Structure formats: C-alpha cells, structure tokens
C-alpha cells in the first residue's frame, strides 16, 4: 500500500503543476483588478487537468505492474499492489479536478471551506475503509481493493462540493464552452509557471522513488520503517506548507499590483513564522518520540530504525520549511524556473549520491538515505533564500496587459 501511494503521489504531482500555475495567474490578475481574466484561467485549468487525470488513469491501468516492479515491490505483494493501484487510478480523474477547484478557492480567500471539504472527503474515505476492511454491516471484507474504492467515493464527493463552493458560493459564472475554447495566451501564462513547478515536483518525486528503491534493497523492515516515518514527516511539513501557501497567495496579489517591496517583506515575515512554528512542532515530536513510536508499531526492529530519524528531523525540518516557503514565494512572483534548477542540481547532485554512499556503501541504512535528504533541503533552501533576497524575481512578473 505504501508503494502504491507513492505512485499515486507521483500522479498528484503532475496535476498540481497546473494548479500552481493557475493559482499564481489568478492571484496576479486579482491583484491587478482583472477578475474576468481570473475566471478564464479557472476554466482552462479545469479542462487541462481533466485531460491529465484521464491520461494518468490509463497509465496506472495498463502499466501498473511495470511501475511496481521498478519500485522493487516484493513479488508476493505484486498482485495485491496492482489491484490497489488499478482502482486508485480511477480516483485520479476526480482528484485532478478537485486540486484545481481547491486551489482556486484558496486564491479567492476561501481556504476554510476547502479545508472542510477535504475533511468531509477523508471522513467518508476512512468510514468506507472501516466497512471494507472489517466487514461492518454484514458486508464481506474487500481488502486493499475495497480501500481504493472508498477513496474514489470520497474524492467524487469532494469534487461536487468544491464545484458548488467555487461557482455558486463565489458567484463565478460557469461557462461550459470556455472549457473547450482555450486561449493560447492564457494557457501559456499558466504553463510558464506550472511547467517549471511540475518539473521541480517531478524531480522530487523521482529522486524520492530512487531513494525508496535503495531502501527496498535493505529489506521489508526498512521499507515499513520508511513508510511510517514519511507519514510522520508529512504531518510535520503540513505547518510549513500551510504558511507557504498563504504566503504564495499574498505575494501573488502584491506582485500583480506591482507592490514589490510589500511582497518582499511579506515573504520574509512568512519565512520567520514558518521557521518558529516548524521548530516548535518538530521539538514536540522528538520529545514525544517514545509514545509516538509505541502507538504506531510494536516491531522493535522498526523502532530501532526510526529513533535516529526523530533526532535528525529536529535539524532537517527547519531547512525543509525554509525551502518550501522560498520556493512558493518565487513561484508567486513569476520566477518559477530558478527553483527547478536548484532542485535538479541538489536532489540529483547531492541527495541521491550522498544517500547511496552513506546508506548502501557505508551501510548506514535508512539514516544514511535521510542524511542525503537533509543536505539537499538545506542547500536548496539557502540558495532559494539568496534568490529572494537578491530581488531578481521582480522582473519575472507576468505580462497581465495582454
């Protein structure tokens, strides 16, 4: 299931690049007072992501076994993994659309309704998982495939709710013809931000999958520990990501209005806030490491692998927050290519070779892989922060007059 979710995350990354481009374009247009152009960007983004979602579902259906094999999934788990991934592929279509709708709501300042929709969808998914896994209400147990179907139901409900909130709640006129009548100029603006953003996220996912393949060579215990710790690290990252998303929207509005000094100061304030919040959260995780580990697993071998990672996270996570906040600020200004370049250089020039050397060659195992991640996050974060301080991003504002 962990490997299947990593593949699912890869496709989500592909969808996200349009939502990133859409968010920045809408934010800058709203800052410039062009609400009509913002609506046009929404329609084009929905249509484009639908096409991407459909294509990705076909890839998961026809090439699922090959993808899982590349990920070094154990052969005795291959059939269950493919059954899970195949159904999860259907989920990619509503997920692709909901990503756009939620991003648009956030740009219009409606982050809370989008959050509630996500909560509702997750509750439906969890409740569905309980039914299919434990056979509640007299129903048979469907295993991993049933889990995937409950995820599909949750995502479909989310799309319906998000659509109503965006077009009826905000009174944005929905014009079906605009879904097929694309403006090449508008699509170009979205892709100008979205493609480099997709490239950066795709580079991250591929380098993470490569590192996971290294971990696969260490055995099932290391894979299980990696899956558990990655879920915990995602929770820690949530706080920095939330601050960076809010910062991205505000910077986009300010850059669209040509208030560059305010945009710069906003980025610096958000970085400081993210830094302090992340340090507080990660220290709590480290102090509570024993009860956390005892609640998520009773395997002492897994616990031994995870304990050093909790200490490493105290130093890693602030660097990750630095990187996330600065990357989103640069994207919001229109300077999306610079983070892509730093991602390619440091992920593949530092994280992968260093992780392989320490984890495989020096036999440090899982800790060695994560030390590679640590070096990458800090080097990228400092480089992107230098770019923000240089103010070269001011010349990257989108051409909103055409």
Protein backbone atom coordinates (compact mmCIF):
# COMPACT_ATOMS: atom_id res chain seq x y z
CA UNK A 1 0.00 0.00 0.00
CA UNK A 2 2.90 2.35 0.78
CA UNK A 3 4.46 1.82 -2.65
CA UNK A 4 1.07 2.24 -4.35
CA UNK A 5 0.56 5.54 -2.55
CA UNK A 6 3.97 6.74 -3.74
CA UNK A 7 2.91 6.08 -7.33
CA UNK A 8 -0.37 7.89 -6.65
CA UNK A 9 1.60 10.83 -5.25
CA UNK A 10 3.64 10.96 -8.46
CA UNK A 11 0.47 11.50 -10.50
CA UNK A 12 -0.83 14.05 -7.99
CA UNK A 13 2.39 15.98 -8.52
CA UNK A 14 1.68 16.10 -12.24
CA UNK A 15 -1.80 17.50 -11.59
CA UNK A 16 -0.51 20.02 -9.09
CA UNK A 17 1.61 21.85 -11.65
CA UNK A 18 -1.48 23.24 -13.37
CA UNK A 19 -2.99 24.25 -10.02
CA UNK A 20 0.23 26.08 -9.11
CA UNK A 21 0.26 27.94 -12.42
CA UNK A 22 -3.46 28.65 -12.12
CA UNK A 23 -3.09 29.99 -8.55
CA UNK A 24 -0.28 32.37 -9.46
CA UNK A 25 -2.02 33.64 -12.60
CA UNK A 26 -5.32 34.19 -10.77
CA UNK A 27 -3.59 35.88 -7.81
CA UNK A 28 -1.71 38.30 -10.05
CA UNK A 29 -4.84 39.07 -12.11
CA UNK A 30 -6.86 39.71 -8.95
CA UNK A 31 -4.10 41.96 -7.66
CA UNK A 32 -4.25 43.85 -10.95
CA UNK A 33 -8.08 44.08 -10.75
CA UNK A 34 -8.79 41.76 -13.74
CA UNK A 35 -11.45 39.38 -12.39
CA UNK A 36 -12.65 38.45 -15.90
CA UNK A 37 -9.24 37.07 -16.79
CA UNK A 38 -9.12 35.18 -13.50
CA UNK A 39 -12.35 33.36 -14.44
CA UNK A 40 -10.91 32.44 -17.82
CA UNK A 41 -7.86 30.91 -16.14
CA UNK A 42 -10.11 28.78 -13.91
CA UNK A 43 -11.98 27.20 -16.84
CA UNK A 44 -8.83 26.43 -18.82
CA UNK A 45 -7.16 24.85 -15.79
CA UNK A 46 -10.14 22.59 -15.03
CA UNK A 47 -10.25 21.29 -18.60
CA UNK A 48 -6.49 20.75 -18.80
CA UNK A 49 -6.35 18.84 -15.52
CA UNK A 50 -9.28 16.63 -16.56
CA UNK A 51 -7.28 15.54 -19.59
CA UNK A 52 -4.22 14.88 -17.42
CA UNK A 53 -6.29 12.88 -14.93
CA UNK A 54 -7.80 10.69 -17.64
CA UNK A 55 -4.40 10.02 -19.21
CA UNK A 56 -2.86 9.18 -15.82
CA UNK A 57 -5.67 6.74 -15.05
CA UNK A 58 -4.86 4.89 -18.29
CA UNK A 59 -1.17 4.74 -17.36
CA UNK A 60 -2.00 3.26 -13.93
CA UNK A 61 -4.31 0.71 -15.57
CA UNK A 62 -2.03 -0.53 -18.35
CA UNK A 63 1.44 -0.07 -16.83
CA UNK A 64 0.75 -0.71 -13.14
CA UNK A 65 2.76 -3.94 -12.92
CA UNK A 66 5.77 -2.36 -14.62
CA UNK A 67 5.70 0.66 -12.30
CA UNK A 68 5.50 -1.52 -9.18
CA UNK A 69 8.36 -3.66 -10.47
CA UNK A 70 10.55 -0.59 -10.93
CA UNK A 71 9.75 0.34 -7.33
CA UNK A 72 11.20 -3.04 -6.21
CA UNK A 73 7.93 -4.22 -4.70
CA UNK A 74 8.30 -7.80 -3.36
CA UNK A 75 6.89 -10.34 -5.83
CA UNK A 76 4.46 -11.88 -3.32
CA UNK A 77 2.81 -8.45 -2.86
CA UNK A 78 2.66 -7.59 -6.56
CA UNK A 79 -0.91 -8.79 -7.30
CA UNK A 80 -2.43 -7.00 -4.30
CA UNK A 81 -0.42 -3.88 -5.11
CA UNK A 82 -1.66 -3.83 -8.70
CA UNK A 83 -5.30 -4.38 -7.68
CA UNK A 84 -5.00 -1.41 -5.30
CA UNK A 85 -3.23 0.79 -7.86
CA UNK A 86 -5.68 -0.08 -10.65
CA UNK A 87 -8.73 1.10 -8.73
CA UNK A 88 -6.81 4.05 -7.32
CA UNK A 89 -6.16 5.06 -10.94
CA UNK A 90 -9.88 5.81 -11.35
CA UNK A 91 -9.56 8.18 -8.40
CA UNK A 92 -7.03 10.24 -10.36
CA UNK A 93 -9.72 11.86 -12.52
CA UNK A 94 -11.80 13.48 -9.72
CA UNK A 95 -8.59 14.17 -7.79
CA UNK A 96 -7.14 16.13 -10.72
CA UNK A 97 -10.24 18.34 -10.91
CA UNK A 98 -10.56 18.83 -7.15
CA UNK A 99 -6.95 20.03 -6.91
CA UNK A 100 -7.77 22.89 -9.29
CA UNK A 101 -11.05 23.78 -7.58
CA UNK A 102 -9.45 23.84 -4.11
CA UNK A 103 -6.54 25.96 -5.36
CA UNK A 104 -8.95 28.50 -6.87
CA UNK A 105 -10.93 28.73 -3.64
CA UNK A 106 -7.75 29.45 -1.69
CA UNK A 107 -6.72 32.23 -4.07
CA UNK A 108 -10.12 33.88 -3.54
CA UNK A 109 -9.52 33.76 0.21
CA UNK A 110 -11.77 30.76 0.91
CA UNK A 111 -9.23 28.37 2.42
CA UNK A 112 -11.52 27.28 5.25
CA UNK A 113 -14.35 25.88 3.07
CA UNK A 114 -11.76 23.96 1.02
CA UNK A 115 -10.38 22.53 4.26
CA UNK A 116 -13.83 21.39 5.40
CA UNK A 117 -14.42 19.65 2.08
CA UNK A 118 -11.13 17.79 2.46
CA UNK A 119 -12.15 16.78 5.98
CA UNK A 120 -15.54 15.51 4.77
CA UNK A 121 -13.90 13.54 1.94
CA UNK A 122 -11.39 11.99 4.34
CA UNK A 123 -14.12 11.04 6.83
CA UNK A 124 -16.03 9.32 4.03
CA UNK A 125 -12.85 7.53 2.96
CA UNK A 126 -11.96 6.40 6.49
CA UNK A 127 -15.52 5.24 7.20
CA UNK A 128 -15.51 3.37 3.89
CA UNK A 129 -12.17 1.79 4.76
CA UNK A 130 -13.59 0.51 8.04
CA UNK A 131 -16.51 -1.07 6.21
CA UNK A 132 -14.45 -2.83 3.52
CA UNK A 133 -11.61 -3.90 5.84
CA UNK A 134 -13.62 -5.17 8.82
CA UNK A 135 -16.88 -6.19 7.14
CA UNK A 136 -19.21 -3.87 9.05
CA UNK A 137 -23.00 -4.10 8.43
CA UNK A 138 -22.61 -7.72 7.34
CA UNK A 139 -20.66 -6.84 4.20
CA UNK A 140 -17.74 -9.02 3.05
CA UNK A 141 -14.15 -7.85 3.55
CA UNK A 142 -12.69 -6.47 0.31
CA UNK A 143 -9.11 -5.75 1.41
CA UNK A 144 -6.89 -3.27 -0.43
CA UNK A 145 -9.15 -3.06 -3.47
CA UNK A 146 -12.04 -2.02 -1.24
CA UNK A 147 -9.85 0.64 0.36
CA UNK A 148 -9.15 2.05 -3.09
CA UNK A 149 -12.87 2.16 -3.96
CA UNK A 150 -13.73 4.02 -0.76
CA UNK A 151 -11.06 6.57 -1.74
CA UNK A 152 -12.76 7.02 -5.12
CA UNK A 153 -16.12 7.72 -3.45
CA UNK A 154 -14.57 10.29 -1.11
CA UNK A 155 -12.87 12.12 -3.99
CA UNK A 156 -16.05 12.25 -6.10
CA UNK A 157 -17.95 13.82 -3.20
CA UNK A 158 -15.12 16.34 -2.80
CA UNK A 159 -15.32 17.41 -6.46
CA UNK A 160 -19.07 18.03 -6.24
CA UNK A 161 -18.77 20.11 -3.06
CA UNK A 162 -15.80 22.14 -4.32
CA UNK A 163 -17.55 22.88 -7.61
CA UNK A 164 -20.62 24.22 -5.79
CA UNK A 165 -18.49 26.34 -3.44
CA UNK A 166 -16.47 27.91 -6.24
CA UNK A 167 -19.10 28.63 -8.87
CA UNK A 168 -22.20 29.10 -6.72
CA UNK A 169 -20.69 30.24 -3.43
CA UNK A 170 -18.42 32.87 -5.03
CA UNK A 171 -20.86 33.58 -7.88
CA UNK A 172 -18.24 32.97 -10.54
CA UNK A 173 -20.05 32.36 -13.80
CA UNK A 174 -19.53 28.80 -15.05
CA UNK A 175 -19.45 28.78 -18.86
CA UNK A 176 -19.10 25.23 -20.28
CA UNK A 177 -17.96 26.50 -23.69
CA UNK A 178 -14.90 28.03 -22.03
CA UNK A 179 -13.75 24.53 -21.08
CA UNK A 180 -13.05 23.78 -24.75
CA UNK A 181 -12.41 27.28 -26.09
CA UNK A 182 -8.88 27.82 -24.86
CA UNK A 183 -6.84 31.00 -25.07
CA UNK A 184 -3.29 30.08 -26.05
CA UNK A 185 -2.04 33.25 -24.37
CA UNK A 186 -3.73 32.38 -21.06
CA UNK A 187 -2.63 28.74 -21.21
CA UNK A 188 0.90 29.96 -21.92
CA UNK A 189 0.89 32.04 -18.73
CA UNK A 190 -0.33 29.08 -16.68
CA UNK A 191 2.28 26.75 -18.17
CA UNK A 192 5.00 29.38 -17.76
CA UNK A 193 4.58 28.93 -14.01
CA UNK A 194 3.19 25.40 -13.98
CA UNK A 195 5.73 23.54 -16.10
CA UNK A 196 8.80 24.51 -14.06
CA UNK A 197 6.80 23.83 -10.89
CA UNK A 198 5.84 20.41 -12.25
CA UNK A 199 9.43 19.80 -13.21
CA UNK A 200 10.61 20.61 -9.71
CA UNK A 201 8.00 18.41 -8.04
CA UNK A 202 8.56 15.63 -10.57
CA UNK A 203 12.29 15.77 -9.88
CA UNK A 204 11.49 15.48 -6.17
CA UNK A 205 9.16 12.50 -6.63
CA UNK A 206 11.58 10.68 -8.94
CA UNK A 207 14.50 11.25 -6.61
CA UNK A 208 12.35 10.07 -3.69
CA UNK A 209 11.33 6.97 -5.66
CA UNK A 210 15.01 6.32 -6.43
CA UNK A 211 15.84 6.62 -2.74
CA UNK A 212 12.92 4.30 -1.96
CA UNK A 213 14.38 1.78 -4.42
CA UNK A 214 17.64 1.95 -2.44
CA UNK A 215 15.64 1.32 0.73
CA UNK A 216 13.93 -1.62 -0.99
CA UNK A 217 17.35 -3.26 -1.22
CA UNK A 218 17.57 -3.10 2.58
CA UNK A 219 14.54 -5.37 3.09
CA UNK A 220 10.90 -5.21 4.15
CA UNK A 221 11.66 -3.88 7.64
CA UNK A 222 13.42 -0.82 6.22
CA UNK A 223 10.55 -0.28 3.75
CA UNK A 224 7.99 -0.45 6.57
CA UNK A 225 10.02 2.00 8.67
CA UNK A 226 10.33 4.35 5.69
CA UNK A 227 6.57 4.30 5.09
CA UNK A 228 5.80 5.08 8.75
CA UNK A 229 8.37 7.84 9.09
CA UNK A 230 7.41 9.50 5.82
CA UNK A 231 3.82 9.77 7.02
CA UNK A 232 5.03 11.39 10.25
CA UNK A 233 7.26 13.81 8.34
CA UNK A 234 4.32 14.78 6.14
CA UNK A 235 2.43 15.82 9.27
CA UNK A 236 5.35 17.99 10.39
CA UNK A 237 5.60 19.50 6.90
CA UNK A 238 1.92 20.48 6.93
CA UNK A 239 2.57 23.56 9.05
CA UNK A 240 5.30 24.93 6.79
CA UNK A 241 3.28 24.08 3.69
CA UNK A 242 0.20 25.88 5.05
CA UNK A 243 2.18 29.04 5.75
CA UNK A 244 3.86 28.87 2.35
CA UNK A 245 0.52 28.54 0.53
CA UNK A 246 -0.91 31.58 2.31
CA UNK A 247 2.30 33.46 1.58
CA UNK A 248 2.13 32.46 -2.10
CA UNK A 249 -1.38 33.88 -2.47
CA UNK A 250 -0.50 37.17 -0.76
CA UNK A 251 2.76 37.60 -2.68
CA UNK A 252 0.93 36.89 -5.95
CA UNK A 253 -1.65 39.60 -5.23
CA UNK A 254 1.06 42.10 -4.27
CA UNK A 255 3.22 41.36 -7.31
CA UNK A 256 0.16 41.66 -9.56
CA UNK A 257 -0.43 45.11 -8.07
CA UNK A 258 3.31 45.93 -8.56
CA UNK A 259 3.81 46.37 -4.80
CA UNK A 260 7.21 44.66 -4.86
CA UNK A 261 8.54 45.98 -1.54
CA UNK A 262 5.42 44.76 0.28
CA UNK A 263 5.78 41.39 -1.45
CA UNK A 264 9.41 41.08 -0.32
CA UNK A 265 8.56 41.92 3.29
CA UNK A 266 5.62 39.52 3.25
CA UNK A 267 7.92 36.70 2.16
CA UNK A 268 10.42 37.43 4.93
CA UNK A 269 7.71 37.57 7.62
CA UNK A 270 6.18 34.29 6.43
CA UNK A 271 9.59 32.64 6.49
CA UNK A 272 10.19 33.68 10.10
CA UNK A 273 6.74 32.45 11.10
CA UNK A 274 7.24 29.11 9.36
CA UNK A 275 10.64 28.67 10.96
CA UNK A 276 9.40 29.18 14.51
CA UNK A 277 6.30 27.02 14.06
CA UNK A 278 8.26 24.15 12.49
CA UNK A 279 10.91 24.20 15.23
CA UNK A 280 8.18 24.04 17.88
CA UNK A 281 6.35 21.16 16.20
CA UNK A 282 9.44 19.07 15.47
CA UNK A 283 10.73 19.51 19.04
CA UNK A 284 7.40 18.21 20.35
CA UNK A 285 7.71 15.17 18.07
CA UNK A 286 11.23 14.50 19.31
CA UNK A 287 10.28 14.83 22.98
CA UNK A 288 7.27 12.53 22.47
CA UNK A 289 9.14 10.04 20.26
CA UNK A 290 8.71 7.06 22.60
CA UNK A 291 4.90 7.21 22.99
CA UNK A 292 4.52 8.02 19.28
CA UNK A 293 6.59 5.01 18.22
CA UNK A 294 4.90 2.67 20.68
CA UNK A 295 1.50 3.69 19.30
CA UNK A 296 2.33 3.21 15.61
CA UNK A 297 4.26 -0.08 15.80
CA UNK A 298 5.26 -2.84 18.20
CA UNK A 299 8.10 -4.10 15.99
CA UNK A 300 11.35 -3.37 17.86
CA UNK A 301 13.41 -3.60 14.66
CA UNK A 302 11.35 -0.83 13.07
CA UNK A 303 11.59 1.29 16.23
CA UNK A 304 15.39 0.98 16.20
CA UNK A 305 15.45 2.28 12.63
CA UNK A 306 13.09 5.17 13.40
CA UNK A 307 14.68 6.54 16.59
CA UNK A 308 17.72 8.18 14.89
CA UNK A 309 15.40 9.75 12.30
CA UNK A 310 13.47 11.59 15.02
CA UNK A 311 16.69 13.30 16.12
CA UNK A 312 17.68 14.07 12.53
CA UNK A 313 14.25 15.64 11.90
CA UNK A 314 14.97 18.33 14.53
CA UNK A 315 17.65 19.68 12.19
CA UNK A 316 16.10 18.68 8.85
CA UNK A 317 12.58 20.11 9.11
CA UNK A 318 13.52 23.81 9.62
CA UNK A 319 15.59 23.57 6.43
CA UNK A 320 12.67 21.99 4.61
CA UNK A 321 10.38 24.83 5.73
CA UNK A 322 12.95 27.40 4.57
CA UNK A 323 12.97 25.74 1.18
CA UNK A 324 9.19 25.35 0.85
CA UNK A 325 8.38 28.97 1.80
CA UNK A 326 11.05 30.43 -0.50
CA UNK A 327 10.09 28.23 -3.45
CA UNK A 328 6.42 29.21 -3.24
CA UNK A 329 7.30 32.89 -2.89
CA UNK A 330 9.49 32.74 -6.01
CA UNK A 331 6.74 30.97 -7.95
CA UNK A 332 4.16 33.55 -6.89
CA UNK A 333 6.35 36.31 -8.28
CA UNK A 334 6.65 34.51 -11.62
CA UNK A 335 10.21 33.28 -11.03
CA UNK A 336 9.43 29.55 -11.30
CA UNK A 337 12.47 28.37 -13.27
CA UNK A 338 15.07 29.11 -10.60
CA UNK A 339 13.65 26.61 -8.06
CA UNK A 340 13.61 23.97 -10.82
CA UNK A 341 17.32 24.48 -11.48
CA UNK A 342 18.20 24.24 -7.79
CA UNK A 343 16.07 21.08 -7.48
CA UNK A 344 17.88 19.31 -10.31
CA UNK A 345 21.32 20.31 -9.04
CA UNK A 346 20.89 19.46 -5.36
CA UNK A 347 18.49 16.50 -5.47
CA UNK A 348 20.47 14.56 -8.05
CA UNK A 349 23.87 16.06 -7.30
CA UNK A 350 23.67 15.80 -3.50
CA UNK A 351 20.71 13.84 -2.08
CA UNK A 352 20.90 10.74 -4.29
CA UNK A 353 24.69 10.20 -4.43
CA UNK A 354 25.15 11.09 -0.76
CA UNK A 355 22.22 8.90 0.29
CA UNK A 356 23.54 5.97 -1.77
CA UNK A 357 27.05 6.39 -0.42
CA UNK A 358 26.00 6.61 3.23
CA UNK A 359 23.00 4.28 3.12
CA UNK A 360 24.31 1.49 0.87
CA UNK A 361 28.09 1.73 0.65
CA UNK A 362 28.74 2.81 4.25
CA UNK A 363 25.86 0.56 5.44
CA UNK A 364 24.20 3.31 7.48
CA UNK A 365 20.85 2.14 6.16
CA UNK A 366 17.76 4.32 6.38
CA UNK A 367 19.59 7.03 8.34
CA UNK A 368 22.12 7.45 5.53
CA UNK A 369 19.35 8.00 2.98
CA UNK A 370 17.75 10.68 5.14
CA UNK A 371 21.07 12.45 5.72
CA UNK A 372 21.13 12.89 1.94
CA UNK A 373 17.66 14.48 2.13
CA UNK A 374 18.89 16.71 4.97
CA UNK A 375 21.81 18.07 2.92
CA UNK A 376 19.58 18.68 -0.11
CA UNK A 377 16.87 20.59 1.77
CA UNK A 378 19.27 22.98 3.49
CA UNK A 379 21.37 23.68 0.39
CA UNK A 380 18.29 24.32 -1.75
CA UNK A 381 16.63 26.40 0.95
CA UNK A 382 19.63 28.68 1.39
CA UNK A 383 20.06 29.08 -2.38
CA UNK A 384 16.39 29.97 -2.91
CA UNK A 385 16.52 32.39 0.04
CA UNK A 386 19.51 34.10 -1.61
CA UNK A 387 17.47 34.46 -4.79
CA UNK A 388 14.60 36.07 -2.86
CA UNK A 389 16.95 38.48 -1.14
CA UNK A 390 18.55 39.45 -4.50
CA UNK A 391 15.11 40.70 -5.69
CA UNK A 392 15.78 39.44 -9.22
CA UNK A 393 12.31 37.92 -9.13
CA UNK A 394 10.78 41.40 -9.53
CA UNK A 395 11.50 41.31 -13.26
CA UNK A 396 9.61 37.98 -13.61
CA UNK A 397 6.10 39.40 -13.08
CA UNK A 398 3.62 38.08 -15.65
CA UNK A 399 2.54 40.29 -18.54
CA UNK A 400 -1.04 40.95 -17.43
CA UNK A 401 -1.80 43.57 -20.05
CA UNK A 402 -2.02 41.04 -22.90
